[in-house]
Protein backbone atom coordinates (compact mmCIF):
# COMPACT_ATOMS: atom_id res chain seq x y z
CA UNK A 1 33.08 -12.61 -181.94
CA UNK A 2 31.17 -14.07 -179.00
CA UNK A 3 29.70 -16.75 -181.25
CA UNK A 4 33.20 -17.74 -182.36
CA UNK A 5 34.40 -18.02 -178.75
CA UNK A 6 31.34 -20.15 -177.87
CA UNK A 7 31.97 -22.41 -180.86
CA UNK A 8 35.61 -22.91 -179.82
CA UNK A 9 34.61 -23.55 -176.23
CA UNK A 10 31.98 -26.11 -177.20
CA UNK A 11 34.41 -27.77 -179.59
CA UNK A 12 37.02 -28.08 -176.83
CA UNK A 13 34.41 -29.39 -174.41
CA UNK A 14 33.24 -32.06 -176.87
CA UNK A 15 36.80 -33.15 -177.69
CA UNK A 16 37.59 -33.42 -173.94
CA UNK A 17 34.50 -35.51 -173.33
CA UNK A 18 35.42 -37.75 -176.30
CA UNK A 19 38.98 -38.21 -174.94
CA UNK A 20 37.65 -39.08 -171.46
CA UNK A 21 35.22 -41.57 -172.90
CA UNK A 22 38.04 -43.14 -174.94
CA UNK A 23 40.24 -43.51 -171.79
CA UNK A 24 37.43 -45.05 -169.83
CA UNK A 25 36.65 -47.57 -172.57
CA UNK A 26 40.27 -48.62 -172.93
CA UNK A 27 40.78 -48.99 -169.18
CA UNK A 28 37.69 -51.16 -168.98
CA UNK A 29 38.77 -53.45 -171.85
CA UNK A 30 41.43 -55.55 -170.07
CA UNK A 31 39.20 -56.68 -167.23
CA UNK A 32 36.21 -57.19 -169.49
CA UNK A 33 38.31 -59.25 -171.90
CA UNK A 34 39.45 -61.72 -169.27
CA UNK A 35 37.81 -65.11 -169.83
CA UNK A 36 36.07 -66.54 -166.77
CA UNK A 37 35.39 -69.89 -168.46
CA UNK A 38 37.76 -72.72 -169.28
CA UNK A 39 37.29 -76.16 -170.78
CA UNK A 40 39.30 -78.77 -168.93
CA UNK A 41 39.08 -82.50 -169.48
CA UNK A 42 35.83 -82.08 -171.41
CA UNK A 43 34.26 -80.03 -168.62
CA UNK A 44 33.32 -76.39 -168.71
CA UNK A 45 34.43 -74.58 -165.53
CA UNK A 46 33.36 -71.07 -164.61
CA UNK A 47 34.71 -68.64 -162.07
CA UNK A 48 32.08 -66.81 -160.01
CA UNK A 49 31.74 -64.28 -157.23
CA UNK A 50 30.30 -65.78 -154.03
CA UNK A 51 30.15 -63.03 -151.33
CA UNK A 52 33.39 -61.43 -152.58
CA UNK A 53 35.16 -64.83 -152.66
CA UNK A 54 36.20 -66.68 -155.77
CA UNK A 55 34.50 -70.03 -156.46
CA UNK A 56 34.66 -72.47 -159.33
CA UNK A 57 31.30 -73.66 -160.73
CA UNK A 58 31.51 -77.23 -162.02
CA UNK A 59 29.31 -78.70 -164.74
CA UNK A 60 27.05 -80.35 -162.13
CA UNK A 61 26.46 -76.78 -160.73
CA UNK A 62 28.33 -77.52 -157.48
CA UNK A 63 30.75 -74.83 -156.28
CA UNK A 64 34.39 -75.38 -155.36
CA UNK A 65 35.57 -72.63 -152.92
CA UNK A 66 39.03 -71.43 -153.83
CA UNK A 67 39.81 -69.29 -150.75
CA UNK A 68 40.84 -66.39 -153.00
CA UNK A 69 39.30 -62.91 -152.98
CA UNK A 70 37.10 -61.76 -155.82
CA UNK A 71 37.88 -60.73 -158.57
CA UNK A 72 39.84 -63.70 -159.84
CA UNK A 73 40.61 -65.00 -163.27
CA UNK A 74 42.22 -67.87 -165.11
CA UNK A 75 45.74 -67.29 -166.42
CA UNK A 76 45.67 -66.61 -170.14
CA UNK A 77 47.79 -67.47 -173.19
CA UNK A 78 49.14 -64.95 -175.70
CA UNK A 79 45.75 -64.82 -177.45
CA UNK A 80 43.98 -63.91 -174.22
CA UNK A 81 42.26 -67.34 -173.84
CA UNK A 82 42.20 -69.24 -170.58
CA UNK A 83 45.25 -71.49 -170.49
CA UNK A 84 45.34 -75.15 -169.63
CA UNK A 85 48.72 -76.79 -168.94
CA UNK A 86 48.96 -80.56 -169.33
CA UNK A 87 51.51 -82.47 -167.24
CA UNK A 88 51.60 -86.11 -168.22
CA UNK A 89 47.93 -86.54 -169.01
CA UNK A 90 46.73 -84.25 -166.17
CA UNK A 91 45.12 -80.94 -167.18
CA UNK A 92 45.88 -78.05 -164.82
CA UNK A 93 44.64 -74.46 -164.70
CA UNK A 94 45.68 -71.54 -162.50
CA UNK A 95 43.22 -69.16 -160.91
CA UNK A 96 44.75 -65.89 -159.84
CA UNK A 97 43.74 -62.84 -157.81
CA UNK A 98 45.74 -59.63 -158.50
CA UNK A 99 45.86 -56.78 -156.03
CA UNK A 100 47.44 -53.35 -156.61
CA UNK A 101 48.31 -50.95 -153.80
CA UNK A 102 45.97 -47.93 -154.16
CA UNK A 103 48.68 -45.63 -152.82
CA UNK A 104 51.41 -46.94 -155.15
CA UNK A 105 50.08 -48.09 -158.50
CA UNK A 106 53.42 -49.72 -159.34
CA UNK A 107 53.14 -52.26 -156.51
CA UNK A 108 51.22 -55.38 -157.27
CA UNK A 109 50.67 -58.66 -155.38
CA UNK A 110 49.13 -61.89 -156.57
CA UNK A 111 47.63 -64.97 -154.97
CA UNK A 112 46.99 -68.02 -157.03
CA UNK A 113 46.28 -71.68 -156.91
CA UNK A 114 46.49 -74.39 -159.45
CA UNK A 115 43.55 -76.78 -160.02
CA UNK A 116 44.17 -80.18 -161.55
CA UNK A 117 41.79 -82.78 -162.82
CA UNK A 118 43.08 -86.14 -161.67
CA UNK A 119 41.11 -89.39 -161.64
CA UNK A 120 38.05 -87.45 -162.79
CA UNK A 121 38.14 -85.15 -159.72
CA UNK A 122 39.14 -81.52 -159.40
CA UNK A 123 41.85 -80.93 -156.86
CA UNK A 124 43.00 -77.44 -155.84
CA UNK A 125 46.64 -76.90 -154.79
CA UNK A 126 47.86 -74.87 -151.89
CA UNK A 127 47.64 -71.07 -152.27
CA UNK A 128 50.82 -69.39 -153.53
CA UNK A 129 51.53 -65.74 -152.91
CA UNK A 130 53.79 -63.56 -155.03
CA UNK A 131 55.13 -60.05 -154.41
CA UNK A 132 54.54 -59.18 -158.04
CA UNK A 133 51.72 -59.57 -160.55
CA UNK A 134 51.90 -62.80 -162.48
CA UNK A 135 51.23 -62.10 -166.18
CA UNK A 136 50.46 -64.51 -168.98
CA UNK A 137 50.28 -68.26 -168.63
CA UNK A 138 53.28 -68.61 -166.28
CA UNK A 139 55.85 -71.44 -166.17
CA UNK A 140 55.10 -75.12 -165.90
CA UNK A 141 56.46 -75.11 -162.34
CA UNK A 142 53.61 -72.74 -161.35
CA UNK A 143 51.18 -75.44 -162.43
CA UNK A 144 52.95 -78.55 -161.08
CA UNK A 145 55.07 -77.35 -158.12
CA UNK A 146 52.10 -76.69 -155.85
CA UNK A 147 51.05 -80.36 -155.82
CA UNK A 148 52.50 -83.56 -154.36
CA UNK A 149 52.86 -86.00 -157.24
């Protein structure tokens, strides 16, 4: 009888550990799946952490400070790939930092800025702040409205 109880206890323990491991893996997937690289105008741009601040590494290895906290990410399309909007012939990406309130997991804020490649140069927009979390690629106005054209 004791062996049967031990077997049931060990079975429950193993199934609990498996369930916890499954939850941990699924919660890690969204942040791990976010692409930190984008190709824009024939250049590969990478987001990096520089002393808890978000920077953009250009192909010549120079860094463009974005004045956003780390972690940050490019907005993504429906397939989860970094999204590039083209306005006229100008490619534009958005880099976003999402922050949730630790006391209220339903509250979320976002800070973002668009970066356009115009006349061969990268130009960041002003920083926009939103009282909700921006999801997906966003609207064209998010890409173009932060610049003077």
